[in-house]
Every structure is written in C-alpha cells, then in structure tokens.
Amino acid sequence: MKTIFSRAAATAFASLLLMSSAFAQTTPPATPAPAAKAAPAAKAAPAEKKAAKPRTAASLECSKEADTKAVHGKERKKFMAECKKDAAAKAK
C-alpha cells in the first residue's frame, strides 16, 4: 500500500513539473508585420461606431417587452422593428 501511494505521489509530482512548460507563455515577436497591424485597425473602426451609438428609450422598452414575452430569433427582430415603429408613431 505504501509503495502504491508513493508511486502515485511521484507520478503526480512529475506530471506537474512536465505540465508547467506547456502552460508557459511565449514571447511575442519583436516587430509585427505592418500589413497585419493595419488590417485589424480597419476592422476595429466599424465596431467602435456601433459601440458608440447609444440605445434609445424606445429600443430599451421594446427589448424589455420582448424579454417578458420570451421572443427570440427572427421573431424578436420582427417584433423589435414593429415596436420601434409604433413608438416613433406615438411620439409624433
């Protein structure tokens, strides 16, 4: 019994030592390629525009209503469009 326990402990310890190199971080390249750096910047610009646009009160209310009705997918998109149109018509 004692030998099985000591072998299991030794195996666990050895595996921890061997696994540590698998989780080590690699260093990034010193200078990234200019073409690779320009491409993500072009993709980030539209994402920033979407994130900068605040949601309207009507949109938030319609979203809450859709959540209470448990509407998902295409039905939710259709519901949200109709709800926003109705909210805009009531505001005028």
PDB file of N, CA and C in Angstrom:
ATOM      1  N   MET A   1       0.827  -1.182   0.000  1.00  0.00           N
ATOM      2  CA  MET A   1       0.000   0.000   0.000  1.00  0.00           C
ATOM      3  C   MET A   1       0.873   1.248   0.000  1.00  0.00           C
ATOM      4  N   LYS A   2       1.920   1.204   0.788  1.00  0.00           N
ATOM      5  CA  LYS A   2       2.798   2.359   0.883  1.00  0.00           C
ATOM      6  C   LYS A   2       3.512   2.607  -0.443  1.00  0.00           C
ATOM      7  N   THR A   3       3.874   1.573  -1.156  1.00  0.00           N
ATOM      8  CA  THR A   3       4.572   1.745  -2.422  1.00  0.00           C
ATOM      9  C   THR A   3       3.637   2.295  -3.493  1.00  0.00           C
ATOM     10  N   ILE A   4       2.372   1.900  -3.477  1.00  0.00           N
ATOM     11  CA  ILE A   4       1.423   2.420  -4.461  1.00  0.00           C
ATOM     12  C   ILE A   4       1.210   3.914  -4.235  1.00  0.00           C
ATOM     13  N   PHE A   5       1.074   4.301  -2.975  1.00  0.00           N
ATOM     14  CA  PHE A   5       0.874   5.714  -2.649  1.00  0.00           C
ATOM     15  C   PHE A   5       2.092   6.539  -3.036  1.00  0.00           C
ATOM     16  N   SER A   6       3.279   6.046  -2.748  1.00  0.00           N
ATOM     17  CA  SER A   6       4.487   6.806  -3.074  1.00  0.00           C
ATOM     18  C   SER A   6       4.684   6.897  -4.587  1.00  0.00           C
ATOM     19  N   ARG A   7       4.346   5.851  -5.313  1.00  0.00           N
ATOM     20  CA  ARG A   7       4.446   5.901  -6.775  1.00  0.00           C
ATOM     21  C   ARG A   7       3.431   6.892  -7.363  1.00  0.00           C
ATOM     22  N   ALA A   8       2.210   6.897  -6.825  1.00  0.00           N
ATOM     23  CA  ALA A   8       1.192   7.833  -7.296  1.00  0.00           C
ATOM     24  C   ALA A   8       1.598   9.267  -7.009  1.00  0.00           C
ATOM     25  N   ALA A   9       2.173   9.503  -5.832  1.00  0.00           N
ATOM     26  CA  ALA A   9       2.626  10.846  -5.471  1.00  0.00           C
ATOM     27  C   ALA A   9       3.768  11.276  -6.376  1.00  0.00           C
ATOM     28  N   ALA A  10       4.700  10.397  -6.636  1.00  0.00           N
ATOM     29  CA  ALA A  10       5.832  10.714  -7.506  1.00  0.00           C
ATOM     30  C   ALA A  10       5.357  10.993  -8.933  1.00  0.00           C
ATOM     31  N   THR A  11       4.384  10.223  -9.402  1.00  0.00           N
ATOM     32  CA  THR A  11       3.841  10.430 -10.744  1.00  0.00           C
ATOM     33  C   THR A  11       3.124  11.768 -10.836  1.00  0.00           C
ATOM     34  N   ALA A  12       2.358  12.109  -9.823  1.00  0.00           N
ATOM     35  CA  ALA A  12       1.653  13.389  -9.809  1.00  0.00           C
ATOM     36  C   ALA A  12       2.638  14.544  -9.790  1.00  0.00           C
ATOM     37  N   PHE A  13       3.679  14.436  -8.980  1.00  0.00           N
ATOM     38  CA  PHE A  13       4.680  15.494  -8.897  1.00  0.00           C
ATOM     39  C   PHE A  13       5.412  15.653 -10.229  1.00  0.00           C
ATOM     40  N   ALA A  14       5.785  14.549 -10.847  1.00  0.00           N
ATOM     41  CA  ALA A  14       6.482  14.599 -12.128  1.00  0.00           C
ATOM     42  C   ALA A  14       5.593  15.198 -13.215  1.00  0.00           C
ATOM     43  N   SER A  15       4.312  14.848 -13.195  1.00  0.00           N
ATOM     44  CA  SER A  15       3.419  15.397 -14.221  1.00  0.00           C
ATOM     45  C   SER A  15       3.232  16.901 -14.039  1.00  0.00           C
ATOM     46  N   LEU A  16       3.216  17.380 -12.795  1.00  0.00           N
ATOM     47  CA  LEU A  16       3.127  18.827 -12.561  1.00  0.00           C
ATOM     48  C   LEU A  16       4.350  19.545 -13.110  1.00  0.00           C
ATOM     49  N   LEU A  17       5.513  18.965 -12.918  1.00  0.00           N
ATOM     50  CA  LEU A  17       6.738  19.583 -13.444  1.00  0.00           C
ATOM     51  C   LEU A  17       6.735  19.604 -14.973  1.00  0.00           C
ATOM     52  N   LEU A  18       6.265  18.544 -15.580  1.00  0.00           N
ATOM     53  CA  LEU A  18       6.246  18.476 -17.035  1.00  0.00           C
ATOM     54  C   LEU A  18       5.164  19.367 -17.635  1.00  0.00           C
ATOM     55  N   MET A  19       4.042  19.521 -16.935  1.00  0.00           N
ATOM     56  CA  MET A  19       2.949  20.341 -17.450  1.00  0.00           C
ATOM     57  C   MET A  19       3.259  21.834 -17.383  1.00  0.00           C
ATOM     58  N   SER A  20       4.103  22.243 -16.477  1.00  0.00           N
ATOM     59  CA  SER A  20       4.378  23.664 -16.320  1.00  0.00           C
ATOM     60  C   SER A  20       4.954  24.268 -17.594  1.00  0.00           C
ATOM     61  N   SER A  21       5.725  23.516 -18.343  1.00  0.00           N
ATOM     62  CA  SER A  21       6.277  24.043 -19.581  1.00  0.00           C
ATOM     63  C   SER A  21       5.197  24.188 -20.656  1.00  0.00           C
ATOM     64  N   ALA A  22       4.145  23.402 -20.572  1.00  0.00           N
ATOM     65  CA  ALA A  22       3.056  23.506 -21.547  1.00  0.00           C
ATOM     66  C   ALA A  22       2.248  24.774 -21.338  1.00  0.00           C
ATOM     67  N   PHE A  23       2.188  25.272 -20.117  1.00  0.00           N
ATOM     68  CA  PHE A  23       1.419  26.475 -19.818  1.00  0.00           C
ATOM     69  C   PHE A  23       2.264  27.747 -19.829  1.00  0.00           C
ATOM     70  N   ALA A  24       3.532  27.646 -20.120  1.00  0.00           N
ATOM     71  CA  ALA A  24       4.398  28.814 -20.147  1.00  0.00           C
ATOM     72  C   ALA A  24       4.006  29.722 -21.304  1.00  0.00           C
ATOM     73  N   GLN A  25       4.122  31.014 -21.080  1.00  0.00           N
ATOM     74  CA  GLN A  25       3.769  31.971 -22.124  1.00  0.00           C
ATOM     75  C   GLN A  25       4.949  32.152 -23.061  1.00  0.00           C
ATOM     76  N   THR A  26       4.622  32.330 -24.320  1.00  0.00           N
ATOM     77  CA  THR A  26       5.671  32.597 -25.294  1.00  0.00           C
ATOM     78  C   THR A  26       5.811  34.097 -25.462  1.00  0.00           C
ATOM     79  N   THR A  27       6.973  34.533 -25.841  1.00  0.00           N
ATOM     80  CA  THR A  27       7.199  35.959 -26.030  1.00  0.00           C
ATOM     81  C   THR A  27       6.671  36.365 -27.400  1.00  0.00           C
ATOM     82  N   PRO A  28       6.066  37.542 -27.514  1.00  0.00           N
ATOM     83  CA  PRO A  28       5.561  37.996 -28.815  1.00  0.00           C
ATOM     84  C   PRO A  28       6.719  38.373 -29.721  1.00  0.00           C
ATOM     85  N   PRO A  29       6.512  38.379 -31.026  1.00  0.00           N
ATOM     86  CA  PRO A  29       7.587  38.780 -31.938  1.00  0.00           C
ATOM     87  C   PRO A  29       7.969  40.230 -31.681  1.00  0.00           C
ATOM     88  N   ALA A  30       9.228  40.545 -31.923  1.00  0.00           N
ATOM     89  CA  ALA A  30       9.744  41.878 -31.619  1.00  0.00           C
ATOM     90  C   ALA A  30       9.047  42.956 -32.445  1.00  0.00           C
ATOM     91  N   THR A  31       8.900  42.730 -33.747  1.00  0.00           N
ATOM     92  CA  THR A  31       8.239  43.719 -34.604  1.00  0.00           C
ATOM     93  C   THR A  31       7.173  43.024 -35.432  1.00  0.00           C
ATOM     94  N   PRO A  32       5.892  43.349 -35.214  1.00  0.00           N
ATOM     95  CA  PRO A  32       4.842  42.736 -36.030  1.00  0.00           C
ATOM     96  C   PRO A  32       4.876  43.276 -37.455  1.00  0.00           C
ATOM     97  N   ALA A  33       4.358  42.497 -38.359  1.00  0.00           N
ATOM     98  CA  ALA A  33       4.319  42.899 -39.758  1.00  0.00           C
ATOM     99  C   ALA A  33       3.382  44.083 -39.918  1.00  0.00           C
ATOM    100  N   PRO A  34       3.756  45.100 -40.726  1.00  0.00           N
ATOM    101  CA  PRO A  34       2.895  46.279 -40.886  1.00  0.00           C
ATOM    102  C   PRO A  34       1.549  45.951 -41.519  1.00  0.00           C
ATOM    103  N   ALA A  35       1.492  44.997 -42.428  1.00  0.00           N
ATOM    104  CA  ALA A  35       0.231  44.641 -43.082  1.00  0.00           C
ATOM    105  C   ALA A  35      -0.729  44.012 -42.079  1.00  0.00           C
ATOM    106  N   ALA A  36      -0.216  43.199 -41.180  1.00  0.00           N
ATOM    107  CA  ALA A  36      -1.069  42.550 -40.184  1.00  0.00           C
ATOM    108  C   ALA A  36      -1.586  43.571 -39.177  1.00  0.00           C
ATOM    109  N   LYS A  37      -0.806  44.612 -38.915  1.00  0.00           N
ATOM    110  CA  LYS A  37      -1.229  45.619 -37.953  1.00  0.00           C
ATOM    111  C   LYS A  37      -2.300  46.530 -38.545  1.00  0.00           C
ATOM    112  N   ALA A  38      -2.254  46.806 -39.831  1.00  0.00           N
ATOM    113  CA  ALA A  38      -3.214  47.700 -40.469  1.00  0.00           C
ATOM    114  C   ALA A  38      -4.582  47.030 -40.632  1.00  0.00           C
ATOM    115  N   ALA A  39      -4.610  45.747 -40.865  1.00  0.00           N
ATOM    116  CA  ALA A  39      -5.868  45.048 -41.092  1.00  0.00           C
ATOM    117  C   ALA A  39      -6.791  45.069 -39.869  1.00  0.00           C
ATOM    118  N   PRO A  40      -6.318  44.760 -38.653  1.00  0.00           N
ATOM    119  CA  PRO A  40      -7.227  44.813 -37.511  1.00  0.00           C
ATOM    120  C   PRO A  40      -7.707  46.234 -37.205  1.00  0.00           C
ATOM    121  N   ALA A  41      -6.913  47.234 -37.495  1.00  0.00           N
ATOM    122  CA  ALA A  41      -7.334  48.605 -37.241  1.00  0.00           C
ATOM    123  C   ALA A  41      -8.510  48.974 -38.138  1.00  0.00           C
ATOM    124  N   ALA A  42      -8.505  48.479 -39.372  1.00  0.00           N
ATOM    125  CA  ALA A  42      -9.600  48.773 -40.287  1.00  0.00           C
ATOM    126  C   ALA A  42     -10.888  48.086 -39.818  1.00  0.00           C
ATOM    127  N   LYS A  43     -10.757  46.912 -39.237  1.00  0.00           N
ATOM    128  CA  LYS A  43     -11.929  46.193 -38.745  1.00  0.00           C
ATOM    129  C   LYS A  43     -12.441  46.789 -37.445  1.00  0.00           C
ATOM    130  N   ALA A  44     -11.575  47.416 -36.662  1.00  0.00           N
ATOM    131  CA  ALA A  44     -11.972  47.947 -35.363  1.00  0.00           C
ATOM    132  C   ALA A  44     -12.804  49.222 -35.516  1.00  0.00           C
ATOM    133  N   ALA A  45     -12.614  49.965 -36.590  1.00  0.00           N
ATOM    134  CA  ALA A  45     -13.331  51.225 -36.754  1.00  0.00           C
ATOM    135  C   ALA A  45     -14.851  51.038 -36.804  1.00  0.00           C
ATOM    136  N   PRO A  46     -15.409  50.113 -37.600  1.00  0.00           N
ATOM    137  CA  PRO A  46     -16.862  49.937 -37.588  1.00  0.00           C
ATOM    138  C   PRO A  46     -17.385  49.455 -36.236  1.00  0.00           C
ATOM    139  N   ALA A  47     -16.614  48.652 -35.541  1.00  0.00           N
ATOM    140  CA  ALA A  47     -17.048  48.158 -34.234  1.00  0.00           C
ATOM    141  C   ALA A  47     -17.143  49.313 -33.243  1.00  0.00           C
ATOM    142  N   GLU A  48     -16.226  50.277 -33.332  1.00  0.00           N
ATOM    143  CA  GLU A  48     -16.257  51.431 -32.439  1.00  0.00           C
ATOM    144  C   GLU A  48     -17.488  52.281 -32.719  1.00  0.00           C
ATOM    145  N   LYS A  49     -17.866  52.413 -33.981  1.00  0.00           N
ATOM    146  CA  LYS A  49     -19.044  53.205 -34.321  1.00  0.00           C
ATOM    147  C   LYS A  49     -20.305  52.557 -33.744  1.00  0.00           C
ATOM    148  N   LYS A  50     -20.383  51.230 -33.822  1.00  0.00           N
ATOM    149  CA  LYS A  50     -21.550  50.536 -33.289  1.00  0.00           C
ATOM    150  C   LYS A  50     -21.608  50.680 -31.776  1.00  0.00           C
ATOM    151  N   ALA A  51     -20.486  50.574 -31.121  1.00  0.00           N
ATOM    152  CA  ALA A  51     -20.457  50.651 -29.667  1.00  0.00           C
ATOM    153  C   ALA A  51     -20.745  52.071 -29.185  1.00  0.00           C
ATOM    154  N   ALA A  52     -20.382  53.076 -29.974  1.00  0.00           N
ATOM    155  CA  ALA A  52     -20.558  54.458 -29.563  1.00  0.00           C
ATOM    156  C   ALA A  52     -22.021  54.896 -29.662  1.00  0.00           C
ATOM    157  N   LYS A  53     -22.819  54.223 -30.470  1.00  0.00           N
ATOM    158  CA  LYS A  53     -24.199  54.629 -30.665  1.00  0.00           C
ATOM    159  C   LYS A  53     -25.054  54.188 -29.469  1.00  0.00           C
ATOM    160  N   PRO A  54     -25.635  55.139 -28.732  1.00  0.00           N
ATOM    161  CA  PRO A  54     -26.441  54.756 -27.568  1.00  0.00           C
ATOM    162  C   PRO A  54     -27.803  54.217 -27.995  1.00  0.00           C
ATOM    163  N   ARG A  55     -28.398  53.398 -27.151  1.00  0.00           N
ATOM    164  CA  ARG A  55     -29.720  52.842 -27.426  1.00  0.00           C
ATOM    165  C   ARG A  55     -30.774  53.838 -26.969  1.00  0.00           C
ATOM    166  N   THR A  56     -31.826  53.945 -27.738  1.00  0.00           N
ATOM    167  CA  THR A  56     -32.893  54.875 -27.408  1.00  0.00           C
ATOM    168  C   THR A  56     -33.786  54.278 -26.329  1.00  0.00           C
ATOM    169  N   ALA A  57     -34.588  55.146 -25.712  1.00  0.00           N
ATOM    170  CA  ALA A  57     -35.501  54.682 -24.677  1.00  0.00           C
ATOM    171  C   ALA A  57     -36.532  53.722 -25.268  1.00  0.00           C
ATOM    172  N   ALA A  58     -36.978  54.018 -26.486  1.00  0.00           N
ATOM    173  CA  ALA A  58     -37.954  53.145 -27.145  1.00  0.00           C
ATOM    174  C   ALA A  58     -37.356  51.763 -27.402  1.00  0.00           C
ATOM    175  N   SER A  59     -36.109  51.738 -27.798  1.00  0.00           N
ATOM    176  CA  SER A  59     -35.441  50.472 -28.061  1.00  0.00           C
ATOM    177  C   SER A  59     -35.316  49.648 -26.776  1.00  0.00           C
ATOM    178  N   LEU A  60     -34.969  50.307 -25.694  1.00  0.00           N
ATOM    179  CA  LEU A  60     -34.836  49.605 -24.420  1.00  0.00           C
ATOM    180  C   LEU A  60     -36.180  49.061 -23.942  1.00  0.00           C
ATOM    181  N   GLU A  61     -37.229  49.866 -24.089  1.00  0.00           N
ATOM    182  CA  GLU A  61     -38.558  49.411 -23.679  1.00  0.00           C
ATOM    183  C   GLU A  61     -39.029  48.232 -24.524  1.00  0.00           C
ATOM    184  N   CYS A  62     -38.791  48.313 -25.825  1.00  0.00           N
ATOM    185  CA  CYS A  62     -39.177  47.213 -26.716  1.00  0.00           C
ATOM    186  C   CYS A  62     -38.396  45.940 -26.377  1.00  0.00           C
ATOM    187  N   SER A  63     -37.126  46.105 -26.024  1.00  0.00           N
ATOM    188  CA  SER A  63     -36.309  44.960 -25.660  1.00  0.00           C
ATOM    189  C   SER A  63     -36.827  44.315 -24.379  1.00  0.00           C
ATOM    190  N   LYS A  64     -37.195  45.126 -23.401  1.00  0.00           N
ATOM    191  CA  LYS A  64     -37.742  44.583 -22.156  1.00  0.00           C
ATOM    192  C   LYS A  64     -39.053  43.847 -22.419  1.00  0.00           C
ATOM    193  N   GLU A  65     -39.875  44.418 -23.285  1.00  0.00           N
ATOM    194  CA  GLU A  65     -41.158  43.784 -23.620  1.00  0.00           C
ATOM    195  C   GLU A  65     -40.930  42.449 -24.332  1.00  0.00           C
ATOM    196  N   ALA A  66     -39.950  42.420 -25.226  1.00  0.00           N
ATOM    197  CA  ALA A  66     -39.631  41.180 -25.936  1.00  0.00           C
ATOM    198  C   ALA A  66     -39.104  40.126 -24.966  1.00  0.00           C
ATOM    199  N   ASP A  67     -38.344  40.572 -23.960  1.00  0.00           N
ATOM    200  CA  ASP A  67     -37.838  39.634 -22.958  1.00  0.00           C
ATOM    201  C   ASP A  67     -38.985  39.020 -22.153  1.00  0.00           C
ATOM    202  N   THR A  68     -39.950  39.849 -21.776  1.00  0.00           N
ATOM    203  CA  THR A  68     -41.069  39.326 -20.979  1.00  0.00           C
ATOM    204  C   THR A  68     -41.921  38.353 -21.786  1.00  0.00           C
ATOM    205  N   LYS A  69     -42.005  38.585 -23.096  1.00  0.00           N
ATOM    206  CA  LYS A  69     -42.773  37.685 -23.963  1.00  0.00           C
ATOM    207  C   LYS A  69     -41.956  36.488 -24.427  1.00  0.00           C
ATOM    208  N   ALA A  70     -40.658  36.450 -24.074  1.00  0.00           N
ATOM    209  CA  ALA A  70     -39.738  35.369 -24.451  1.00  0.00           C
ATOM    210  C   ALA A  70     -39.678  35.183 -25.967  1.00  0.00           C
ATOM    211  N   VAL A  71     -39.519  36.287 -26.682  1.00  0.00           N
ATOM    212  CA  VAL A  71     -39.409  36.252 -28.140  1.00  0.00           C
ATOM    213  C   VAL A  71     -37.924  36.168 -28.494  1.00  0.00           C
ATOM    214  N   HIS A  72     -37.562  35.243 -29.401  1.00  0.00           N
ATOM    215  CA  HIS A  72     -36.171  35.046 -29.783  1.00  0.00           C
ATOM    216  C   HIS A  72     -36.043  34.904 -31.290  1.00  0.00           C
ATOM    217  N   GLY A  73     -34.829  35.126 -31.777  1.00  0.00           N
ATOM    218  CA  GLY A  73     -34.510  34.891 -33.181  1.00  0.00           C
ATOM    219  C   GLY A  73     -35.164  35.869 -34.136  1.00  0.00           C
ATOM    220  N   LYS A  74     -35.630  35.339 -35.257  1.00  0.00           N
ATOM    221  CA  LYS A  74     -36.242  36.174 -36.288  1.00  0.00           C
ATOM    222  C   LYS A  74     -37.508  36.849 -35.781  1.00  0.00           C
ATOM    223  N   GLU A  75     -38.244  36.146 -34.944  1.00  0.00           N
ATOM    224  CA  GLU A  75     -39.471  36.731 -34.395  1.00  0.00           C
ATOM    225  C   GLU A  75     -39.153  37.959 -33.543  1.00  0.00           C
ATOM    226  N   ARG A  76     -38.056  37.895 -32.772  1.00  0.00           N
ATOM    227  CA  ARG A  76     -37.658  39.024 -31.931  1.00  0.00           C
ATOM    228  C   ARG A  76     -37.277  40.215 -32.800  1.00  0.00           C
ATOM    229  N   LYS A  77     -36.524  39.958 -33.858  1.00  0.00           N
ATOM    230  CA  LYS A  77     -36.102  41.030 -34.748  1.00  0.00           C
ATOM    231  C   LYS A  77     -37.325  41.716 -35.367  1.00  0.00           C
ATOM    232  N   LYS A  78     -38.279  40.928 -35.803  1.00  0.00           N
ATOM    233  CA  LYS A  78     -39.503  41.466 -36.388  1.00  0.00           C
ATOM    234  C   LYS A  78     -40.299  42.249 -35.338  1.00  0.00           C
ATOM    235  N   PHE A  79     -40.412  41.681 -34.130  1.00  0.00           N
ATOM    236  CA  PHE A  79     -41.126  42.335 -33.049  1.00  0.00           C
ATOM    237  C   PHE A  79     -40.478  43.677 -32.699  1.00  0.00           C
ATOM    238  N   MET A  80     -39.162  43.693 -32.614  1.00  0.00           N
ATOM    239  CA  MET A  80     -38.441  44.924 -32.258  1.00  0.00           C
ATOM    240  C   MET A  80     -38.664  46.001 -33.319  1.00  0.00           C
ATOM    241  N   ALA A  81     -38.624  45.627 -34.594  1.00  0.00           N
ATOM    242  CA  ALA A  81     -38.829  46.598 -35.669  1.00  0.00           C
ATOM    243  C   ALA A  81     -40.226  47.210 -35.589  1.00  0.00           C
ATOM    244  N   GLU A  82     -41.228  46.360 -35.391  1.00  0.00           N
ATOM    245  CA  GLU A  82     -42.609  46.854 -35.304  1.00  0.00           C
ATOM    246  C   GLU A  82     -42.809  47.711 -34.056  1.00  0.00           C
ATOM    247  N   CYS A  83     -42.223  47.301 -32.951  1.00  0.00           N
ATOM    248  CA  CYS A  83     -42.360  48.040 -31.698  1.00  0.00           C
ATOM    249  C   CYS A  83     -41.730  49.425 -31.820  1.00  0.00           C
ATOM    250  N   LYS A  84     -40.560  49.508 -32.438  1.00  0.00           N
ATOM    251  CA  LYS A  84     -39.891  50.803 -32.605  1.00  0.00           C
ATOM    252  C   LYS A  84     -40.696  51.715 -33.527  1.00  0.00           C
ATOM    253  N   LYS A  85     -41.278  51.137 -34.581  1.00  0.00           N
ATOM    254  CA  LYS A  85     -42.103  51.939 -35.489  1.00  0.00           C
ATOM    255  C   LYS A  85     -43.325  52.481 -34.754  1.00  0.00           C
ATOM    256  N   ASP A  86     -43.946  51.651 -33.939  1.00  0.00           N
ATOM    257  CA  ASP A  86     -45.098  52.079 -33.164  1.00  0.00           C
ATOM    258  C   ASP A  86     -44.713  53.175 -32.164  1.00  0.00           C
ATOM    259  N   ALA A  87     -43.559  53.039 -31.546  1.00  0.00           N
ATOM    260  CA  ALA A  87     -43.094  54.032 -30.575  1.00  0.00           C
ATOM    261  C   ALA A  87     -42.811  55.353 -31.276  1.00  0.00           C
ATOM    262  N   ALA A  88     -42.242  55.298 -32.477  1.00  0.00           N
ATOM    263  CA  ALA A  88     -41.954  56.523 -33.234  1.00  0.00           C
ATOM    264  C   ALA A  88     -43.251  57.199 -33.675  1.00  0.00           C
ATOM    265  N   ALA A  89     -44.256  56.397 -34.051  1.00  0.00           N
ATOM    266  CA  ALA A  89     -45.530  56.949 -34.479  1.00  0.00           C
ATOM    267  C   ALA A  89     -46.240  57.604 -33.296  1.00  0.00           C
ATOM    268  N   LYS A  90     -46.164  57.026 -32.110  1.00  0.00           N
ATOM    269  CA  LYS A  90     -46.792  57.599 -30.926  1.00  0.00           C
ATOM    270  C   LYS A  90     -46.090  58.881 -30.496  1.00  0.00           C
ATOM    271  N   ALA A  91     -44.797  58.978 -30.721  1.00  0.00           N
ATOM    272  CA  ALA A  91     -44.030  60.162 -30.325  1.00  0.00           C
ATOM    273  C   ALA A  91     -44.355  61.369 -31.199  1.00  0.00           C
ATOM    274  N   LYS A  92     -44.805  61.141 -32.417  1.00  0.00           N
ATOM    275  CA  LYS A  92     -45.101  62.259 -33.337  1.00  0.00           C
ATOM    276  C   LYS A  92     -46.436  62.829 -33.098  1.00  0.00           C
TER     277      LYS A  92
END
